[in-house]
Amino acid sequence: FSLEHWAWYRRPIGKEREWIASILSSGTTAYSD
């Protein structure tokens, strides 16, 4: 687990799944606008 990068995605009704947030194994984070 600690060596993987993880993320959250979401799918609004009627839309495609989208990436919204991630955290790398290093702890670095990123977010959608």
PDB file of all heavy atoms in Angstrom:
ATOM      1  N   PHE A   1       0.818  -1.205   0.000  1.00  0.00           N
ATOM      2  CA  PHE A   1       0.000   0.000   0.000  1.00  0.00           C
ATOM      3  C   PHE A   1       0.857   1.263   0.000  1.00  0.00           C
ATOM      4  O   PHE A   1       0.555   2.224  -0.710  1.00  0.00           O
ATOM      5  CB  PHE A   1      -0.929  -0.003   1.215  1.00  0.00           C
ATOM      6  CG  PHE A   1      -1.751   1.245   1.361  1.00  0.00           C
ATOM      7  CD1 PHE A   1      -3.011   1.333   0.793  1.00  0.00           C
ATOM      8  CD2 PHE A   1      -1.260   2.337   2.066  1.00  0.00           C
ATOM      9  CE1 PHE A   1      -3.773   2.480   0.924  1.00  0.00           C
ATOM     10  CE2 PHE A   1      -2.013   3.492   2.206  1.00  0.00           C
ATOM     11  CZ  PHE A   1      -3.276   3.560   1.627  1.00  0.00           C
ATOM     12  N   SER A   2       1.907   1.257   0.795  1.00  0.00           N
ATOM     13  CA  SER A   2       2.716   2.455   0.970  1.00  0.00           C
ATOM     14  C   SER A   2       3.506   2.837  -0.273  1.00  0.00           C
ATOM     15  O   SER A   2       3.953   3.988  -0.382  1.00  0.00           O
ATOM     16  CB  SER A   2       3.683   2.272   2.145  1.00  0.00           C
ATOM     17  OG  SER A   2       4.629   1.248   1.878  1.00  0.00           O
ATOM     18  N   LEU A   3       3.674   1.920  -1.195  1.00  0.00           N
ATOM     19  CA  LEU A   3       4.414   2.198  -2.419  1.00  0.00           C
ATOM     20  C   LEU A   3       3.508   2.586  -3.585  1.00  0.00           C
ATOM     21  O   LEU A   3       4.015   2.948  -4.651  1.00  0.00           O
ATOM     22  CB  LEU A   3       5.256   0.984  -2.811  1.00  0.00           C
ATOM     23  CG  LEU A   3       6.329   0.562  -1.801  1.00  0.00           C
ATOM     24  CD1 LEU A   3       7.100  -0.640  -2.333  1.00  0.00           C
ATOM     25  CD2 LEU A   3       7.272   1.713  -1.497  1.00  0.00           C
ATOM     26  N   GLU A   4       2.208   2.513  -3.393  1.00  0.00           N
ATOM     27  CA  GLU A   4       1.252   2.835  -4.438  1.00  0.00           C
ATOM     28  C   GLU A   4       0.849   4.305  -4.378  1.00  0.00           C
ATOM     29  O   GLU A   4       0.967   4.964  -3.344  1.00  0.00           O
ATOM     30  CB  GLU A   4       0.004   1.964  -4.313  1.00  0.00           C
ATOM     31  CG  GLU A   4       0.247   0.475  -4.450  1.00  0.00           C
ATOM     32  CD  GLU A   4       0.410   0.047  -5.894  1.00  0.00           C
ATOM     33  OE1 GLU A   4       0.106   0.850  -6.793  1.00  0.00           O
ATOM     34  OE2 GLU A   4       0.838  -1.102  -6.121  1.00  0.00           O
ATOM     35  N   HIS A   5       0.385   4.803  -5.509  1.00  0.00           N
ATOM     36  CA  HIS A   5      -0.254   6.108  -5.563  1.00  0.00           C
ATOM     37  C   HIS A   5      -1.764   5.896  -5.521  1.00  0.00           C
ATOM     38  O   HIS A   5      -2.291   4.992  -6.171  1.00  0.00           O
ATOM     39  CB  HIS A   5       0.114   6.860  -6.841  1.00  0.00           C
ATOM     40  CG  HIS A   5       1.591   6.930  -7.097  1.00  0.00           C
ATOM     41  ND1 HIS A   5       2.509   7.169  -6.100  1.00  0.00           N
ATOM     42  CD2 HIS A   5       2.297   6.810  -8.251  1.00  0.00           C
ATOM     43  CE1 HIS A   5       3.733   7.180  -6.627  1.00  0.00           C
ATOM     44  NE2 HIS A   5       3.621   6.974  -7.926  1.00  0.00           N
ATOM     45  N   TRP A   6      -2.443   6.748  -4.778  1.00  0.00           N
ATOM     46  CA  TRP A   6      -3.885   6.582  -4.594  1.00  0.00           C
ATOM     47  C   TRP A   6      -4.627   7.830  -5.015  1.00  0.00           C
ATOM     48  O   TRP A   6      -4.073   8.932  -5.038  1.00  0.00           O
ATOM     49  CB  TRP A   6      -4.196   6.238  -3.131  1.00  0.00           C
ATOM     50  CG  TRP A   6      -3.578   4.947  -2.727  1.00  0.00           C
ATOM     51  CD1 TRP A   6      -2.400   4.758  -2.070  1.00  0.00           C
ATOM     52  CD2 TRP A   6      -4.097   3.643  -3.001  1.00  0.00           C
ATOM     53  NE1 TRP A   6      -2.152   3.422  -1.902  1.00  0.00           N
ATOM     54  CE2 TRP A   6      -3.172   2.709  -2.467  1.00  0.00           C
ATOM     55  CE3 TRP A   6      -5.250   3.173  -3.640  1.00  0.00           C
ATOM     56  CZ2 TRP A   6      -3.374   1.332  -2.558  1.00  0.00           C
ATOM     57  CZ3 TRP A   6      -5.448   1.803  -3.728  1.00  0.00           C
ATOM     58  CH2 TRP A   6      -4.513   0.902  -3.183  1.00  0.00           C
ATOM     59  N   ALA A   7      -5.907   7.643  -5.353  1.00  0.00           N
ATOM     60  CA  ALA A   7      -6.686   8.761  -5.868  1.00  0.00           C
ATOM     61  C   ALA A   7      -8.155   8.593  -5.539  1.00  0.00           C
ATOM     62  O   ALA A   7      -8.639   7.497  -5.253  1.00  0.00           O
ATOM     63  CB  ALA A   7      -6.508   8.896  -7.385  1.00  0.00           C
ATOM     64  N   TRP A   8      -8.866   9.702  -5.586  1.00  0.00           N
ATOM     65  CA  TRP A   8     -10.317   9.722  -5.525  1.00  0.00           C
ATOM     66  C   TRP A   8     -10.858  10.166  -6.875  1.00  0.00           C
ATOM     67  O   TRP A   8     -10.300  11.072  -7.510  1.00  0.00           O
ATOM     68  CB  TRP A   8     -10.832  10.651  -4.425  1.00  0.00           C
ATOM     69  CG  TRP A   8     -10.725  10.069  -3.053  1.00  0.00           C
ATOM     70  CD1 TRP A   8      -9.708  10.234  -2.167  1.00  0.00           C
ATOM     71  CD2 TRP A   8     -11.692   9.233  -2.407  1.00  0.00           C
ATOM     72  NE1 TRP A   8      -9.969   9.551  -1.005  1.00  0.00           N
ATOM     73  CE2 TRP A   8     -11.178   8.921  -1.124  1.00  0.00           C
ATOM     74  CE3 TRP A   8     -12.931   8.715  -2.781  1.00  0.00           C
ATOM     75  CZ2 TRP A   8     -11.872   8.118  -0.216  1.00  0.00           C
ATOM     76  CZ3 TRP A   8     -13.619   7.911  -1.880  1.00  0.00           C
ATOM     77  CH2 TRP A   8     -13.087   7.624  -0.618  1.00  0.00           C
ATOM     78  N   TYR A   9     -11.932   9.517  -7.275  1.00  0.00           N
ATOM     79  CA  TYR A   9     -12.645   9.833  -8.500  1.00  0.00           C
ATOM     80  C   TYR A   9     -14.117  10.016  -8.154  1.00  0.00           C
ATOM     81  O   TYR A   9     -14.581   9.561  -7.114  1.00  0.00           O
ATOM     82  CB  TYR A   9     -12.504   8.709  -9.532  1.00  0.00           C
ATOM     83  CG  TYR A   9     -11.080   8.297  -9.840  1.00  0.00           C
ATOM     84  CD1 TYR A   9     -10.382   7.449  -8.991  1.00  0.00           C
ATOM     85  CD2 TYR A   9     -10.436   8.744 -10.990  1.00  0.00           C
ATOM     86  CE1 TYR A   9      -9.079   7.053  -9.266  1.00  0.00           C
ATOM     87  CE2 TYR A   9      -9.141   8.355 -11.281  1.00  0.00           C
ATOM     88  CZ  TYR A   9      -8.473   7.508 -10.417  1.00  0.00           C
ATOM     89  OH  TYR A   9      -7.180   7.129 -10.713  1.00  0.00           O
ATOM     90  N   ARG A  10     -14.853  10.658  -9.035  1.00  0.00           N
ATOM     91  CA  ARG A  10     -16.290  10.777  -8.823  1.00  0.00           C
ATOM     92  C   ARG A  10     -17.029  10.723 -10.149  1.00  0.00           C
ATOM     93  O   ARG A  10     -16.471  11.043 -11.198  1.00  0.00           O
ATOM     94  CB  ARG A  10     -16.642  12.064  -8.074  1.00  0.00           C
ATOM     95  CG  ARG A  10     -16.413  13.351  -8.858  1.00  0.00           C
ATOM     96  CD  ARG A  10     -16.703  14.561  -7.986  1.00  0.00           C
ATOM     97  NE  ARG A  10     -16.547  15.811  -8.705  1.00  0.00           N
ATOM     98  CZ  ARG A  10     -16.641  17.007  -8.141  1.00  0.00           C
ATOM     99  NH1 ARG A  10     -16.890  17.119  -6.845  1.00  0.00           N
ATOM    100  NH2 ARG A  10     -16.486  18.096  -8.877  1.00  0.00           N
ATOM    101  N   ARG A  11     -18.281  10.283 -10.070  1.00  0.00           N
ATOM    102  CA  ARG A  11     -19.114  10.187 -11.255  1.00  0.00           C
ATOM    103  C   ARG A  11     -20.477  10.812 -10.971  1.00  0.00           C
ATOM    104  O   ARG A  11     -21.330  10.189 -10.322  1.00  0.00           O
ATOM    105  CB  ARG A  11     -19.280   8.727 -11.685  1.00  0.00           C
ATOM    106  CG  ARG A  11     -20.155   8.554 -12.925  1.00  0.00           C
ATOM    107  CD  ARG A  11     -20.173   7.104 -13.391  1.00  0.00           C
ATOM    108  NE  ARG A  11     -20.628   6.201 -12.364  1.00  0.00           N
ATOM    109  CZ  ARG A  11     -21.903   5.992 -12.049  1.00  0.00           C
ATOM    110  NH1 ARG A  11     -22.858   6.646 -12.684  1.00  0.00           N
ATOM    111  NH2 ARG A  11     -22.220   5.128 -11.092  1.00  0.00           N
ATOM    112  N   PRO A  12     -20.685  12.045 -11.434  1.00  0.00           N
ATOM    113  CA  PRO A  12     -22.021  12.641 -11.324  1.00  0.00           C
ATOM    114  C   PRO A  12     -22.996  11.881 -12.200  1.00  0.00           C
ATOM    115  O   PRO A  12     -22.605  11.254 -13.189  1.00  0.00           O
ATOM    116  CB  PRO A  12     -21.813  14.076 -11.837  1.00  0.00           C
ATOM    117  CG  PRO A  12     -20.334  14.307 -11.745  1.00  0.00           C
ATOM    118  CD  PRO A  12     -19.716  12.974 -12.017  1.00  0.00           C
ATOM    119  N   ILE A  13     -24.264  11.918 -11.868  1.00  0.00           N
ATOM    120  CA  ILE A  13     -25.261  11.224 -12.665  1.00  0.00           C
ATOM    121  C   ILE A  13     -25.249  11.763 -14.086  1.00  0.00           C
ATOM    122  O   ILE A  13     -25.209  12.975 -14.312  1.00  0.00           O
ATOM    123  CB  ILE A  13     -26.667  11.355 -12.044  1.00  0.00           C
ATOM    124  CG1 ILE A  13     -27.659  10.436 -12.744  1.00  0.00           C
ATOM    125  CG2 ILE A  13     -27.144  12.799 -12.071  1.00  0.00           C
ATOM    126  CD1 ILE A  13     -27.392   8.981 -12.480  1.00  0.00           C
ATOM    127  N   GLY A  14     -25.229  10.852 -15.042  1.00  0.00           N
ATOM    128  CA  GLY A  14     -25.238  11.245 -16.435  1.00  0.00           C
ATOM    129  C   GLY A  14     -23.902  11.683 -16.994  1.00  0.00           C
ATOM    130  O   GLY A  14     -23.830  12.076 -18.162  1.00  0.00           O
ATOM    131  N   LYS A  15     -22.848  11.618 -16.200  1.00  0.00           N
ATOM    132  CA  LYS A  15     -21.529  12.028 -16.649  1.00  0.00           C
ATOM    133  C   LYS A  15     -20.513  10.908 -16.452  1.00  0.00           C
ATOM    134  O   LYS A  15     -20.774   9.923 -15.763  1.00  0.00           O
ATOM    135  CB  LYS A  15     -21.072  13.284 -15.903  1.00  0.00           C
ATOM    136  CG  LYS A  15     -21.935  14.509 -16.128  1.00  0.00           C
ATOM    137  CD  LYS A  15     -21.363  15.720 -15.412  1.00  0.00           C
ATOM    138  CE  LYS A  15     -22.195  16.956 -15.679  1.00  0.00           C
ATOM    139  NZ  LYS A  15     -21.627  18.150 -14.992  1.00  0.00           N
ATOM    140  N   GLU A  16     -19.363  11.080 -17.057  1.00  0.00           N
ATOM    141  CA  GLU A  16     -18.293  10.104 -16.926  1.00  0.00           C
ATOM    142  C   GLU A  16     -17.543  10.285 -15.615  1.00  0.00           C
ATOM    143  O   GLU A  16     -17.539  11.364 -15.019  1.00  0.00           O
ATOM    144  CB  GLU A  16     -17.319  10.229 -18.098  1.00  0.00           C
ATOM    145  CG  GLU A  16     -17.928   9.922 -19.453  1.00  0.00           C
ATOM    146  CD  GLU A  16     -18.410   8.500 -19.544  1.00  0.00           C
ATOM    147  OE1 GLU A  16     -17.678   7.581 -19.123  1.00  0.00           O
ATOM    148  OE2 GLU A  16     -19.534   8.297 -20.043  1.00  0.00           O
ATOM    149  N   ARG A  17     -16.906   9.236 -15.175  1.00  0.00           N
ATOM    150  CA  ARG A  17     -16.089   9.288 -13.974  1.00  0.00           C
ATOM    151  C   ARG A  17     -14.897  10.202 -14.210  1.00  0.00           C
ATOM    152  O   ARG A  17     -14.289  10.182 -15.280  1.00  0.00           O
ATOM    153  CB  ARG A  17     -15.630   7.883 -13.599  1.00  0.00           C
ATOM    154  CG  ARG A  17     -14.818   7.815 -12.325  1.00  0.00           C
ATOM    155  CD  ARG A  17     -14.825   6.424 -11.703  1.00  0.00           C
ATOM    156  NE  ARG A  17     -14.958   5.352 -12.651  1.00  0.00           N
ATOM    157  CZ  ARG A  17     -15.621   4.219 -12.399  1.00  0.00           C
ATOM    158  NH1 ARG A  17     -16.212   4.043 -11.231  1.00  0.00           N
ATOM    159  NH2 ARG A  17     -15.684   3.273 -13.327  1.00  0.00           N
ATOM    160  N   GLU A  18     -14.570  11.016 -13.216  1.00  0.00           N
ATOM    161  CA  GLU A  18     -13.480  11.955 -13.339  1.00  0.00           C
ATOM    162  C   GLU A  18     -12.556  11.866 -12.127  1.00  0.00           C
ATOM    163  O   GLU A  18     -12.997  11.595 -11.011  1.00  0.00           O
ATOM    164  CB  GLU A  18     -13.994  13.391 -13.479  1.00  0.00           C
ATOM    165  CG  GLU A  18     -14.773  13.879 -12.267  1.00  0.00           C
ATOM    166  CD  GLU A  18     -15.225  15.319 -12.371  1.00  0.00           C
ATOM    167  OE1 GLU A  18     -14.671  16.065 -13.197  1.00  0.00           O
ATOM    168  OE2 GLU A  18     -16.142  15.711 -11.616  1.00  0.00           O
ATOM    169  N   TRP A  19     -11.290  12.119 -12.342  1.00  0.00           N
ATOM    170  CA  TRP A  19     -10.311  12.200 -11.284  1.00  0.00           C
ATOM    171  C   TRP A  19     -10.441  13.533 -10.564  1.00  0.00           C
ATOM    172  O   TRP A  19     -10.616  14.577 -11.206  1.00  0.00           O
ATOM    173  CB  TRP A  19      -8.895  12.061 -11.866  1.00  0.00           C
ATOM    174  CG  TRP A  19      -7.801  12.423 -10.906  1.00  0.00           C
ATOM    175  CD1 TRP A  19      -7.174  11.607 -10.029  1.00  0.00           C
ATOM    176  CD2 TRP A  19      -7.216  13.720 -10.747  1.00  0.00           C
ATOM    177  NE1 TRP A  19      -6.220  12.304  -9.324  1.00  0.00           N
ATOM    178  CE2 TRP A  19      -6.222  13.600  -9.739  1.00  0.00           C
ATOM    179  CE3 TRP A  19      -7.416  14.961 -11.343  1.00  0.00           C
ATOM    180  CZ2 TRP A  19      -5.444  14.679  -9.325  1.00  0.00           C
ATOM    181  CZ3 TRP A  19      -6.641  16.039 -10.928  1.00  0.00           C
ATOM    182  CH2 TRP A  19      -5.671  15.888  -9.937  1.00  0.00           C
ATOM    183  N   ILE A  20     -10.352  13.529  -9.239  1.00  0.00           N
ATOM    184  CA  ILE A  20     -10.452  14.779  -8.503  1.00  0.00           C
ATOM    185  C   ILE A  20      -9.309  15.001  -7.520  1.00  0.00           C
ATOM    186  O   ILE A  20      -9.011  16.155  -7.191  1.00  0.00           O
ATOM    187  CB  ILE A  20     -11.791  14.894  -7.746  1.00  0.00           C
ATOM    188  CG1 ILE A  20     -11.991  13.717  -6.784  1.00  0.00           C
ATOM    189  CG2 ILE A  20     -12.956  15.014  -8.722  1.00  0.00           C
ATOM    190  CD1 ILE A  20     -13.163  13.886  -5.848  1.00  0.00           C
ATOM    191  N   ALA A  21      -8.672  13.943  -7.050  1.00  0.00           N
ATOM    192  CA  ALA A  21      -7.606  14.127  -6.075  1.00  0.00           C
ATOM    193  C   ALA A  21      -6.697  12.915  -6.060  1.00  0.00           C
ATOM    194  O   ALA A  21      -7.145  11.794  -6.300  1.00  0.00           O
ATOM    195  CB  ALA A  21      -8.170  14.374  -4.671  1.00  0.00           C
ATOM    196  N   SER A  22      -5.441  13.119  -5.768  1.00  0.00           N
ATOM    197  CA  SER A  22      -4.497  12.014  -5.673  1.00  0.00           C
ATOM    198  C   SER A  22      -3.443  12.304  -4.627  1.00  0.00           C
ATOM    199  O   SER A  22      -3.170  13.461  -4.295  1.00  0.00           O
ATOM    200  CB  SER A  22      -3.833  11.735  -7.030  1.00  0.00           C
ATOM    201  OG  SER A  22      -3.125  12.866  -7.495  1.00  0.00           O
ATOM    202  N   ILE A  23      -2.871  11.231  -4.126  1.00  0.00           N
ATOM    203  CA  ILE A  23      -1.761  11.341  -3.197  1.00  0.00           C
ATOM    204  C   ILE A  23      -0.736  10.291  -3.589  1.00  0.00           C
ATOM    205  O   ILE A  23      -1.044   9.105  -3.709  1.00  0.00           O
ATOM    206  CB  ILE A  23      -2.229  11.176  -1.731  1.00  0.00           C
ATOM    207  CG1 ILE A  23      -1.046  11.351  -0.783  1.00  0.00           C
ATOM    208  CG2 ILE A  23      -2.945   9.854  -1.512  1.00  0.00           C
ATOM    209  CD1 ILE A  23      -1.473  11.539   0.672  1.00  0.00           C
ATOM    210  N   LEU A  24       0.484  10.728  -3.819  1.00  0.00           N
ATOM    211  CA  LEU A  24       1.549   9.838  -4.233  1.00  0.00           C
ATOM    212  C   LEU A  24       2.123   9.105  -3.029  1.00  0.00           C
ATOM    213  O   LEU A  24       1.857   9.447  -1.878  1.00  0.00           O
ATOM    214  CB  LEU A  24       2.654  10.611  -4.956  1.00  0.00           C
ATOM    215  CG  LEU A  24       2.214  11.471  -6.145  1.00  0.00           C
ATOM    216  CD1 LEU A  24       3.441  12.065  -6.838  1.00  0.00           C
ATOM    217  CD2 LEU A  24       1.377  10.664  -7.126  1.00  0.00           C
ATOM    218  N   SER A  25       2.922   8.095  -3.309  1.00  0.00           N
ATOM    219  CA  SER A  25       3.552   7.348  -2.228  1.00  0.00           C
ATOM    220  C   SER A  25       4.404   8.253  -1.341  1.00  0.00           C
ATOM    221  O   SER A  25       4.543   7.997  -0.142  1.00  0.00           O
ATOM    222  CB  SER A  25       4.406   6.217  -2.796  1.00  0.00           C
ATOM    223  OG  SER A  25       5.432   6.721  -3.630  1.00  0.00           O
ATOM    224  N   SER A  26       4.936   9.307  -1.918  1.00  0.00           N
ATOM    225  CA  SER A  26       5.742  10.263  -1.182  1.00  0.00           C
ATOM    226  C   SER A  26       4.920  11.174  -0.285  1.00  0.00           C
ATOM    227  O   SER A  26       5.468  11.851   0.583  1.00  0.00           O
ATOM    228  CB  SER A  26       6.546  11.122  -2.156  1.00  0.00           C
ATOM    229  OG  SER A  26       5.687  11.904  -2.963  1.00  0.00           O
ATOM    230  N   GLY A  27       3.611  11.218  -0.514  1.00  0.00           N
ATOM    231  CA  GLY A  27       2.736  12.118   0.207  1.00  0.00           C
ATOM    232  C   GLY A  27       2.337  13.351  -0.572  1.00  0.00           C
ATOM    233  O   GLY A  27       1.474  14.114  -0.121  1.00  0.00           O
ATOM    234  N   THR A  28       2.926  13.563  -1.710  1.00  0.00           N
ATOM    235  CA  THR A  28       2.580  14.695  -2.554  1.00  0.00           C
ATOM    236  C   THR A  28       1.144  14.573  -3.040  1.00  0.00           C
ATOM    237  O   THR A  28       0.726  13.505  -3.479  1.00  0.00           O
ATOM    238  CB  THR A  28       3.530  14.784  -3.753  1.00  0.00           C
ATOM    239  OG1 THR A  28       4.866  14.972  -3.288  1.00  0.00           O
ATOM    240  CG2 THR A  28       3.153  15.948  -4.663  1.00  0.00           C
ATOM    241  N   THR A  29       0.392  15.656  -2.965  1.00  0.00           N
ATOM    242  CA  THR A  29      -1.015  15.649  -3.350  1.00  0.00           C
ATOM    243  C   THR A  29      -1.267  16.530  -4.557  1.00  0.00           C
ATOM    244  O   THR A  29      -0.496  17.448  -4.851  1.00  0.00           O
ATOM    245  CB  THR A  29      -1.909  16.113  -2.196  1.00  0.00           C
ATOM    246  OG1 THR A  29      -1.536  17.440  -1.799  1.00  0.00           O
ATOM    247  CG2 THR A  29      -1.775  15.178  -1.004  1.00  0.00           C
ATOM    248  N   ALA A  30      -2.368  16.236  -5.238  1.00  0.00           N
ATOM    249  CA  ALA A  30      -2.796  17.033  -6.374  1.00  0.00           C
ATOM    250  C   ALA A  30      -4.310  16.995  -6.443  1.00  0.00           C
ATOM    251  O   ALA A  30      -4.934  16.020  -6.018  1.00  0.00           O
ATOM    252  CB  ALA A  30      -2.180  16.511  -7.677  1.00  0.00           C
ATOM    253  N   TYR A  31      -4.898  18.055  -6.992  1.00  0.00           N
ATOM    254  CA  TYR A  31      -6.344  18.174  -7.043  1.00  0.00           C
ATOM    255  C   TYR A  31      -6.784  18.747  -8.373  1.00  0.00           C
ATOM    256  O   TYR A  31      -6.063  19.517  -9.007  1.00  0.00           O
ATOM    257  CB  TYR A  31      -6.850  19.084  -5.919  1.00  0.00           C
ATOM    258  CG  TYR A  31      -6.455  18.629  -4.542  1.00  0.00           C
ATOM    259  CD1 TYR A  31      -5.274  19.069  -3.960  1.00  0.00           C
ATOM    260  CD2 TYR A  31      -7.263  17.747  -3.835  1.00  0.00           C
ATOM    261  CE1 TYR A  31      -4.902  18.638  -2.693  1.00  0.00           C
ATOM    262  CE2 TYR A  31      -6.898  17.317  -2.571  1.00  0.00           C
ATOM    263  CZ  TYR A  31      -5.719  17.766  -2.009  1.00  0.00           C
ATOM    264  OH  TYR A  31      -5.356  17.331  -0.745  1.00  0.00           O
ATOM    265  N   SER A  32      -7.985  18.376  -8.776  1.00  0.00           N
ATOM    266  CA  SER A  32      -8.577  18.995  -9.942  1.00  0.00           C
ATOM    267  C   SER A  32      -8.995  20.417  -9.592  1.00  0.00           C
ATOM    268  O   SER A  32      -9.197  20.755  -8.419  1.00  0.00           O
ATOM    269  CB  SER A  32      -9.786  18.198 -10.429  1.00  0.00           C
ATOM    270  OG  SER A  32     -10.851  18.281  -9.500  1.00  0.00           O
ATOM    271  N   ASP A  33      -9.132  21.242 -10.608  1.00  0.00           N
ATOM    272  CA  ASP A  33      -9.512  22.631 -10.368  1.00  0.00           C
ATOM    273  C   ASP A  33     -10.867  22.754  -9.670  1.00  0.00           C
ATOM    274  O   ASP A  33     -11.098  23.691  -8.908  1.00  0.00           O
ATOM    275  CB  ASP A  33      -9.545  23.403 -11.688  1.00  0.00           C
ATOM    276  CG  ASP A  33      -8.164  23.633 -12.264  1.00  0.00           C
ATOM    277  OD1 ASP A  33      -7.177  23.546 -11.511  1.00  0.00           O
ATOM    278  OD2 ASP A  33      -8.075  23.911 -13.476  1.00  0.00           O
TER     279      ASP A  33
END
